Amino acid sequence: MSRKPLLHRRSLLTGTSAALTAGAVQVALGSPARAATAPAVGGTPAGPPSGDHLLLLGTAGGPNLAPDRVGTSTALRVGDQLYVVDCGHGSYARWGGAGYSKDQLGRQLRSIYLTHLHSDHIADYFSNLWVSWALGTVNVFGPGRAGEPIPVFPPDREPPPLTRPELPTPGTRDMTTSLISAYAYDINSRLRASAFPDFEGNLRVHDIGRPGPDYAPDIVIPAEADATDPAPAMEPFEIHPPDANGVRVSAILVPHGPVFPSLAYRFDGPGWSVTISGDTAMSENVIRLARGSDILVHEVIDAASVRQIFGDTPLGQHVLSAHTDAVEVGQVAQEAGVGHVVLNHLFPIAPKELPEGYWRRQVRKHYRGPVTVGGDLMTIPLTRREGDG
């Protein structure tokens, strides 16, 4: 069982940081307009929105089916480059609804960041790699090997046999290598018949993790952690320094049950900052990473609905212990002094969604700033703070 960090309960309803000042993020306090439909089949996409912006490709929590939501995936467009966080089921197809042609996407998608390796966050990972294959190098940053032990939940349950016991907790590099092997026929036929460039030669995959026997990650997490203590108190660490667009990326470990490594990411751009929580229980580490962010994109559950749906089952206990209730999201946001909360990875979404007003009211029990209930294909401008050049 993972330890759930306790937040310092200093006055959450007192003043917030300067990130709440006017002009930090220009977006309506209600529901921003969303692209409700994709371009007609066979038609020409109108093109993606102009300017730097945050794009919610998919906003569903868990591997669930819903008419208006697909698996979680979030993108930041800065200049002519896309920074994509997670690739949930169905999210690849959302690029068309966002106005991208295949070639546009291939030219702009240069970086992917995976928060953790649960299937509902990586189902469309290879699709995103494939579209960028012939058009440039893609950098991927994601969790490294977790090592062992793999905790059993509930703790008194007999451990089931492991799948692939020779490497039961592979990292992002291992996963990518296995996917390339699985798609070898497609890759080789295109190399031979269509003169595509070398697939693996256009990939740069960077594991983020802890060193282990015969294993070295590319980016070492500066904390003693494993699946038994997956998110100890720590300071954020750098994933990469400012790039050509002036975007610096940092990360921190977050508690998502026994999942390790599970990461939240922060993007600091030219005059703005966005933190994306990934899947996490209420966490002091998220507060540290998000401190003063203009936008906090945070996963969310409604605990009362989870209890009603699952009762006191192991699955229900896992969902409650590994995710953040809407009221708690408000506490995290107020404590971190963020300028704007965007709810993502909503759960539950079936059989009937909760009204947007309900989600906002729950968050606003502690948070005083604007709250947006995320929807697929929603865009939010990334606007420089007043005074930044």
Protein backbone atom coordinates (compact mmCIF):
# COMPACT_ATOMS: atom_id res chain seq x y z
CA MET A 1 0.00 0.00 0.00
CA SER A 2 1.31 3.43 -0.85
CA ARG A 3 1.44 6.17 1.73
CA LYS A 4 -0.93 9.06 1.05
CA PRO A 5 0.84 12.32 1.80
CA LEU A 6 -0.93 14.75 4.10
CA LEU A 7 -1.24 18.36 3.06
CA HIS A 8 -0.33 21.20 5.35
CA ARG A 9 -3.71 22.70 6.24
CA ARG A 10 -2.65 26.28 6.53
CA SER A 11 -5.38 28.75 5.70
CA LEU A 12 -6.48 27.70 2.23
CA LEU A 13 -8.90 30.54 1.84
CA THR A 14 -6.38 33.34 2.30
CA GLY A 15 -4.70 35.22 -0.53
CA THR A 16 -3.32 33.41 -3.54
CA SER A 17 -0.15 34.01 -5.49
CA ALA A 18 0.50 36.56 -8.18
CA ALA A 19 -0.52 33.93 -10.73
CA LEU A 20 -4.12 34.99 -10.08
CA THR A 21 -3.51 38.50 -11.35
CA ALA A 22 -5.48 39.77 -14.31
CA GLY A 23 -4.04 38.86 -17.67
CA ALA A 24 -2.20 35.72 -16.51
CA VAL A 25 -4.49 33.47 -18.53
CA GLN A 26 -7.16 34.91 -20.78
CA VAL A 27 -10.07 32.50 -20.69
CA ALA A 28 -13.71 32.78 -19.70
CA LEU A 29 -14.54 31.61 -16.20
CA GLY A 30 -17.25 29.31 -17.49
CA SER A 31 -16.89 26.67 -20.21
CA PRO A 32 -14.54 27.74 -23.01
CA ALA A 33 -15.80 26.96 -26.50
CA ARG A 34 -14.83 23.51 -27.74
CA ALA A 35 -14.66 22.01 -31.20
CA ALA A 36 -17.75 19.82 -31.00
CA THR A 37 -17.36 17.94 -34.29
CA ALA A 38 -14.52 16.73 -36.48
CA PRO A 39 -14.17 17.88 -40.10
CA ALA A 40 -16.31 15.93 -42.52
CA VAL A 41 -14.82 12.63 -43.68
CA GLY A 42 -12.83 13.26 -46.84
CA GLY A 43 -12.82 17.00 -46.25
CA THR A 44 -9.83 19.26 -45.70
CA PRO A 45 -9.17 20.22 -42.06
CA ALA A 46 -9.60 23.93 -41.46
CA GLY A 47 -6.29 23.93 -39.62
CA PRO A 48 -5.44 24.03 -35.92
CA PRO A 49 -6.02 27.16 -33.82
CA SER A 50 -3.37 29.82 -34.16
CA GLY A 51 -1.12 31.02 -31.37
CA ASP A 52 0.34 29.18 -28.42
CA HIS A 53 -2.34 27.18 -26.66
CA LEU A 54 -3.23 24.19 -24.50
CA LEU A 55 -5.23 21.50 -26.31
CA LEU A 56 -7.21 18.79 -24.53
CA LEU A 57 -7.34 15.91 -26.99
CA GLY A 58 -8.94 13.39 -24.61
CA THR A 59 -10.35 13.86 -21.12
CA ALA A 60 -11.80 10.50 -20.04
CA GLY A 61 -10.59 8.82 -16.87
CA GLY A 62 -9.85 5.11 -17.08
CA PRO A 63 -10.36 2.78 -20.06
CA ASN A 64 -14.04 3.67 -20.29
CA LEU A 65 -16.23 4.32 -23.32
CA ALA A 66 -18.22 7.52 -23.64
CA PRO A 67 -19.83 9.26 -26.62
CA ASP A 68 -17.98 12.56 -26.19
CA ARG A 69 -14.71 11.63 -24.47
CA VAL A 70 -11.69 9.53 -25.36
CA GLY A 71 -8.64 8.56 -23.33
CA THR A 72 -6.57 11.23 -21.66
CA SER A 73 -4.10 13.17 -23.80
CA THR A 74 -3.01 16.78 -23.47
CA ALA A 75 -0.92 18.89 -25.85
CA LEU A 76 0.78 22.26 -25.68
CA ARG A 77 1.42 24.00 -28.97
CA VAL A 78 4.28 26.47 -28.68
CA GLY A 79 5.52 28.09 -31.86
CA ASP A 80 5.58 25.30 -34.44
CA GLN A 81 6.08 22.45 -31.96
CA LEU A 82 3.69 20.16 -30.09
CA TYR A 83 4.47 18.85 -26.61
CA VAL A 84 2.15 15.89 -25.92
CA VAL A 85 1.46 14.45 -22.47
CA ASP A 86 0.04 10.90 -22.56
CA CYS A 87 -1.62 9.14 -25.48
CA GLY A 88 -4.85 7.57 -24.21
CA HIS A 89 -7.19 5.35 -26.22
CA GLY A 90 -8.81 7.16 -29.14
CA SER A 91 -6.75 10.32 -28.70
CA TYR A 92 -4.80 9.95 -31.93
CA ALA A 93 -8.00 10.28 -33.97
CA ARG A 94 -8.80 13.53 -32.15
CA TRP A 95 -5.98 15.30 -34.01
CA GLY A 96 -8.20 15.44 -37.09
CA GLY A 97 -10.97 17.07 -35.07
CA ALA A 98 -8.44 19.60 -33.82
CA GLY A 99 -7.75 20.61 -37.43
CA TYR A 100 -4.49 18.77 -38.09
CA SER A 101 -3.65 16.92 -41.26
CA LYS A 102 -1.29 13.96 -40.96
CA ASP A 103 1.60 15.95 -42.41
CA GLN A 104 0.95 18.96 -40.16
CA LEU A 105 0.95 16.71 -37.12
CA GLY A 106 4.04 14.87 -38.27
CA ARG A 107 5.97 18.10 -38.72
CA GLN A 108 4.98 19.55 -35.33
CA LEU A 109 4.93 16.54 -32.99
CA ARG A 110 8.49 16.41 -31.73
CA SER A 111 8.07 15.58 -27.99
CA ILE A 112 5.97 13.08 -26.00
CA TYR A 113 5.90 12.86 -22.21
CA LEU A 114 4.31 9.82 -20.51
CA THR A 115 3.14 10.18 -16.91
CA HIS A 116 2.94 6.43 -16.26
CA LEU A 117 2.49 3.21 -18.18
CA HIS A 118 -1.13 2.30 -17.45
CA SER A 119 -2.85 1.24 -20.65
CA ASP A 120 -5.37 4.10 -20.61
CA HIS A 121 -2.44 6.55 -20.92
CA ILE A 122 -0.40 4.78 -23.60
CA ALA A 123 -2.93 3.00 -25.85
CA ASP A 124 -2.30 5.38 -28.79
CA TYR A 125 1.41 5.90 -28.12
CA PHE A 126 2.59 4.00 -31.20
CA SER A 127 0.07 5.78 -33.45
CA ASN A 128 1.63 9.11 -32.51
CA LEU A 129 5.11 7.74 -33.21
CA TRP A 130 4.04 6.39 -36.56
CA VAL A 131 2.63 9.68 -37.88
CA SER A 132 5.92 11.47 -37.17
CA TRP A 133 8.09 8.69 -38.60
CA ALA A 134 9.14 10.26 -41.89
CA LEU A 135 9.13 13.90 -40.82
CA GLY A 136 11.78 14.28 -38.13
CA THR A 137 13.11 13.14 -34.78
CA VAL A 138 10.72 12.54 -31.89
CA ASN A 139 11.92 12.71 -28.28
CA VAL A 140 9.99 10.56 -25.79
CA PHE A 141 10.31 10.95 -22.02
CA GLY A 142 8.66 8.38 -19.77
CA PRO A 143 8.93 6.15 -16.70
CA GLY A 144 11.86 3.78 -16.48
CA ARG A 145 11.85 0.25 -15.13
CA ALA A 146 10.05 -0.06 -11.81
CA GLY A 147 11.97 -3.05 -10.53
CA GLU A 148 10.46 -5.20 -7.81
CA PRO A 149 8.61 -5.85 -5.56
CA ILE A 150 5.21 -5.40 -7.17
CA PRO A 151 2.81 -4.90 -4.23
CA VAL A 152 -0.41 -6.93 -4.13
CA PHE A 153 -3.72 -5.19 -3.34
CA PRO A 154 -5.42 -5.96 -1.00
CA PRO A 155 -2.24 -6.97 0.87
CA ASP A 156 -3.66 -10.29 2.12
CA ARG A 157 -4.45 -11.56 -1.40
CA GLU A 158 -2.47 -14.45 -2.87
CA PRO A 159 -0.09 -12.97 -5.48
CA PRO A 160 -1.07 -14.05 -9.02
CA PRO A 161 1.67 -15.32 -11.35
CA LEU A 162 3.61 -12.65 -13.21
CA THR A 163 3.34 -12.03 -16.93
CA ARG A 164 6.81 -11.98 -18.52
CA PRO A 165 8.56 -12.67 -15.21
CA GLU A 166 11.95 -12.09 -16.87
CA LEU A 167 11.05 -8.37 -17.11
CA PRO A 168 7.79 -7.82 -15.20
CA THR A 169 8.04 -4.00 -14.88
CA PRO A 170 9.46 -2.69 -18.17
CA GLY A 171 10.13 0.98 -18.75
CA THR A 172 9.39 3.27 -21.67
CA ARG A 173 12.49 2.19 -23.62
CA ASP A 174 11.57 -1.49 -23.18
CA MET A 175 7.96 -0.83 -24.19
CA THR A 176 9.03 1.06 -27.31
CA THR A 177 11.43 -1.71 -28.34
CA SER A 178 8.67 -4.30 -27.92
CA LEU A 179 6.22 -2.22 -29.96
CA ILE A 180 8.74 -1.87 -32.77
CA SER A 181 9.13 -5.66 -32.76
CA ALA A 182 5.36 -6.11 -32.85
CA TYR A 183 5.03 -3.76 -35.82
CA ALA A 184 8.12 -5.03 -37.63
CA TYR A 185 6.15 -6.18 -40.69
CA ASP A 186 4.63 -2.74 -41.23
CA ILE A 187 7.93 -0.97 -40.57
CA ASN A 188 9.98 -3.20 -42.86
CA SER A 189 7.46 -3.10 -45.69
CA ARG A 190 7.48 0.68 -45.62
CA LEU A 191 11.26 0.84 -45.45
CA ARG A 192 11.54 -1.40 -48.52
CA ALA A 193 8.50 -0.34 -50.57
CA SER A 194 8.08 3.34 -49.73
CA ALA A 195 11.61 4.51 -48.99
CA PHE A 196 10.74 5.61 -45.46
CA PRO A 197 13.68 6.56 -43.22
CA ASP A 198 14.89 4.31 -40.42
CA PHE A 199 12.11 4.17 -37.80
CA GLU A 200 14.33 3.64 -34.78
CA GLY A 201 16.83 6.17 -36.08
CA ASN A 202 14.22 8.91 -35.74
CA LEU A 203 13.39 8.06 -32.11
CA ARG A 204 15.08 9.30 -28.95
CA VAL A 205 13.53 7.52 -25.95
CA HIS A 206 14.57 8.71 -22.49
CA ASP A 207 13.77 6.62 -19.39
CA ILE A 208 13.13 8.53 -16.15
CA GLY A 209 13.77 6.31 -13.15
CA ARG A 210 16.02 4.86 -10.50
CA PRO A 211 19.16 2.84 -11.34
CA GLY A 212 19.01 -0.89 -10.73
CA PRO A 213 21.00 -4.05 -11.38
CA ASP A 214 22.11 -3.97 -15.02
CA TYR A 215 19.86 -0.96 -15.69
CA ALA A 216 20.61 2.75 -16.00
CA PRO A 217 17.88 5.31 -16.74
CA ASP A 218 18.64 8.34 -18.89
CA ILE A 219 17.28 10.75 -16.25
CA VAL A 220 17.79 9.73 -12.62
CA ILE A 221 14.99 10.56 -10.18
CA PRO A 222 16.71 12.29 -7.23
CA ALA A 223 14.81 10.44 -4.49
CA GLU A 224 14.94 7.01 -2.89
CA ALA A 225 11.67 5.53 -4.11
CA ASP A 226 10.11 2.31 -5.36
CA ALA A 227 6.66 0.74 -5.55
CA THR A 228 6.50 0.43 -1.74
CA ASP A 229 7.11 4.19 -1.37
CA PRO A 230 6.41 5.58 -4.84
CA ALA A 231 6.23 9.31 -4.12
CA PRO A 232 8.24 10.46 -1.09
CA ALA A 233 8.44 14.17 -0.36
CA MET A 234 10.90 15.68 -2.83
CA GLU A 235 11.68 18.75 -4.91
CA PRO A 236 10.96 18.95 -8.66
CA PHE A 237 13.77 17.86 -10.97
CA GLU A 238 14.61 18.92 -14.51
CA ILE A 239 13.67 16.82 -17.52
CA HIS A 240 15.30 19.18 -19.99
CA PRO A 241 16.47 22.81 -19.96
CA PRO A 242 14.80 25.49 -22.10
CA ASP A 243 14.67 24.38 -25.72
CA ALA A 244 14.59 26.47 -28.90
CA ASN A 245 11.05 27.58 -28.00
CA GLY A 246 12.11 28.59 -24.49
CA VAL A 247 10.18 25.69 -22.90
CA ARG A 248 11.74 24.10 -19.82
CA VAL A 249 10.23 20.85 -18.51
CA SER A 250 10.45 19.55 -14.94
CA ALA A 251 8.78 16.66 -13.13
CA ILE A 252 8.06 15.13 -9.76
CA LEU A 253 6.90 11.75 -8.44
CA VAL A 254 3.21 11.47 -7.55
CA PRO A 255 1.31 8.78 -5.59
CA HIS A 256 -0.85 6.63 -7.87
CA GLY A 257 -1.27 3.53 -5.76
CA PRO A 258 1.78 1.27 -6.15
CA VAL A 259 2.51 2.57 -9.68
CA PHE A 260 6.16 3.58 -10.01
CA PRO A 261 7.43 5.77 -11.47
CA SER A 262 4.29 7.91 -11.83
CA LEU A 263 5.06 11.49 -12.80
CA ALA A 264 3.57 14.95 -13.00
CA TYR A 265 5.11 17.43 -15.43
CA ARG A 266 5.53 21.19 -15.45
CA PHE A 267 6.12 23.24 -18.60
CA ASP A 268 7.59 26.73 -18.15
CA GLY A 269 7.39 28.68 -21.38
CA PRO A 270 7.96 32.29 -22.43
CA GLY A 271 5.82 34.11 -19.88
CA TRP A 272 3.52 31.23 -18.85
CA SER A 273 3.58 27.95 -16.92
CA VAL A 274 1.41 24.82 -17.08
CA THR A 275 1.46 21.88 -14.67
CA ILE A 276 -0.14 18.54 -15.60
CA SER A 277 -0.77 16.26 -12.64
CA GLY A 278 -1.01 12.87 -14.32
CA ASP A 279 -2.87 10.28 -12.25
CA THR A 280 -2.38 10.97 -8.57
CA ALA A 281 -3.88 10.95 -5.13
CA MET A 282 -3.92 14.29 -3.30
CA SER A 283 -0.24 15.15 -3.07
CA GLU A 284 2.17 17.64 -1.54
CA ASN A 285 4.49 16.89 -4.45
CA VAL A 286 1.91 18.22 -6.92
CA ILE A 287 1.69 21.40 -4.84
CA ARG A 288 5.47 21.81 -4.96
CA LEU A 289 5.60 21.31 -8.71
CA ALA A 290 2.58 23.49 -9.48
CA ARG A 291 3.50 26.41 -7.20
CA GLY A 292 2.50 29.64 -8.98
CA SER A 293 1.52 27.92 -12.26
CA ASP A 294 -0.79 29.85 -14.54
CA ILE A 295 -2.69 26.64 -15.36
CA LEU A 296 -3.00 23.41 -13.38
CA VAL A 297 -4.45 20.54 -15.42
CA HIS A 298 -5.48 18.09 -12.72
CA GLU A 299 -7.09 14.67 -12.83
CA VAL A 300 -10.33 14.35 -10.88
CA ILE A 301 -12.81 11.85 -9.47
CA ASP A 302 -16.04 12.26 -7.59
CA ALA A 303 -15.52 10.12 -4.50
CA ALA A 304 -19.23 9.91 -3.64
CA SER A 305 -20.03 8.49 -7.09
CA VAL A 306 -17.13 6.02 -6.88
CA ARG A 307 -18.46 4.69 -3.56
CA GLN A 308 -21.96 4.42 -5.02
CA ILE A 309 -20.77 2.53 -8.10
CA PHE A 310 -18.15 0.22 -6.60
CA GLY A 311 -19.02 -0.01 -2.92
CA ASP A 312 -16.31 -1.46 -0.69
CA THR A 313 -14.69 -3.57 -3.42
CA PRO A 314 -10.92 -3.75 -4.07
CA LEU A 315 -11.42 -1.76 -7.29
CA GLY A 316 -13.37 0.91 -5.46
CA GLN A 317 -10.70 1.12 -2.75
CA HIS A 318 -7.99 1.45 -5.40
CA VAL A 319 -9.80 4.26 -7.25
CA LEU A 320 -10.35 6.21 -4.04
CA SER A 321 -6.78 5.78 -2.81
CA ALA A 322 -5.05 6.48 -6.14
CA HIS A 323 -6.97 9.52 -7.41
CA THR A 324 -8.01 13.00 -6.27
CA ASP A 325 -11.56 14.02 -5.37
CA ALA A 326 -12.78 17.34 -6.79
CA VAL A 327 -12.83 18.98 -3.35
CA GLU A 328 -9.20 17.93 -2.86
CA VAL A 329 -8.26 19.37 -6.27
CA GLY A 330 -9.50 22.72 -4.95
CA GLN A 331 -7.28 22.36 -1.89
CA VAL A 332 -4.23 21.52 -4.01
CA ALA A 333 -4.88 24.45 -6.37
CA GLN A 334 -5.40 26.97 -3.57
CA GLU A 335 -2.34 25.76 -1.69
CA ALA A 336 -0.21 25.99 -4.84
CA GLY A 337 -1.56 29.42 -5.73
CA VAL A 338 -2.32 28.53 -9.34
CA GLY A 339 -4.14 30.90 -11.66
CA HIS A 340 -6.62 28.54 -13.32
CA VAL A 341 -7.73 24.94 -12.75
CA VAL A 342 -8.59 22.69 -15.69
CA LEU A 343 -10.19 19.37 -14.72
CA ASN A 344 -9.05 16.39 -16.78
CA HIS A 345 -9.23 12.57 -16.67
CA LEU A 346 -12.79 12.83 -15.30
CA PHE A 347 -14.16 9.79 -13.49
CA PRO A 348 -16.83 8.51 -13.47
CA ILE A 349 -18.14 9.40 -16.92
CA ALA A 350 -20.55 6.50 -17.46
CA PRO A 351 -23.36 5.68 -17.54
CA LYS A 352 -24.16 9.38 -17.03
CA GLU A 353 -21.86 12.34 -16.56
CA LEU A 354 -22.09 14.68 -13.63
CA PRO A 355 -23.08 18.26 -14.56
CA GLU A 356 -20.21 20.70 -15.10
CA GLY A 357 -21.66 22.96 -12.42
CA TYR A 358 -21.34 20.16 -9.87
CA TRP A 359 -17.63 19.68 -10.59
CA ARG A 360 -17.01 23.45 -10.29
CA ARG A 361 -18.88 23.74 -7.01
CA GLN A 362 -16.83 20.94 -5.50
CA VAL A 363 -13.52 22.50 -6.52
CA ARG A 364 -14.63 25.96 -5.37
CA LYS A 365 -15.21 24.79 -1.83
CA HIS A 366 -11.53 25.66 -1.35
CA TYR A 367 -10.29 27.31 -4.54
CA ARG A 368 -11.14 30.89 -5.47
CA GLY A 369 -9.87 31.07 -9.04
CA PRO A 370 -11.41 30.07 -12.38
CA VAL A 371 -12.30 26.41 -12.92
CA THR A 372 -12.76 24.82 -16.33
CA VAL A 373 -14.27 21.35 -16.69
CA GLY A 374 -12.19 19.91 -19.51
CA GLY A 375 -13.77 18.53 -22.65
CA ASP A 376 -12.29 16.82 -25.69
CA LEU A 377 -10.88 19.28 -28.28
CA MET A 378 -11.05 22.22 -25.89
CA THR A 379 -8.34 24.84 -26.40
CA ILE A 380 -7.07 27.44 -23.90
CA PRO A 381 -4.68 30.21 -24.93
CA LEU A 382 -1.22 30.37 -23.39
CA THR A 383 -0.93 34.11 -22.79
CA ARG A 384 2.17 35.85 -21.48
CA ARG A 385 1.81 37.38 -18.06
CA GLU A 386 1.70 41.15 -17.94
CA GLY A 387 5.22 42.53 -17.73
CA ASP A 388 6.85 39.53 -19.44
CA GLY A 389 8.50 40.33 -22.74
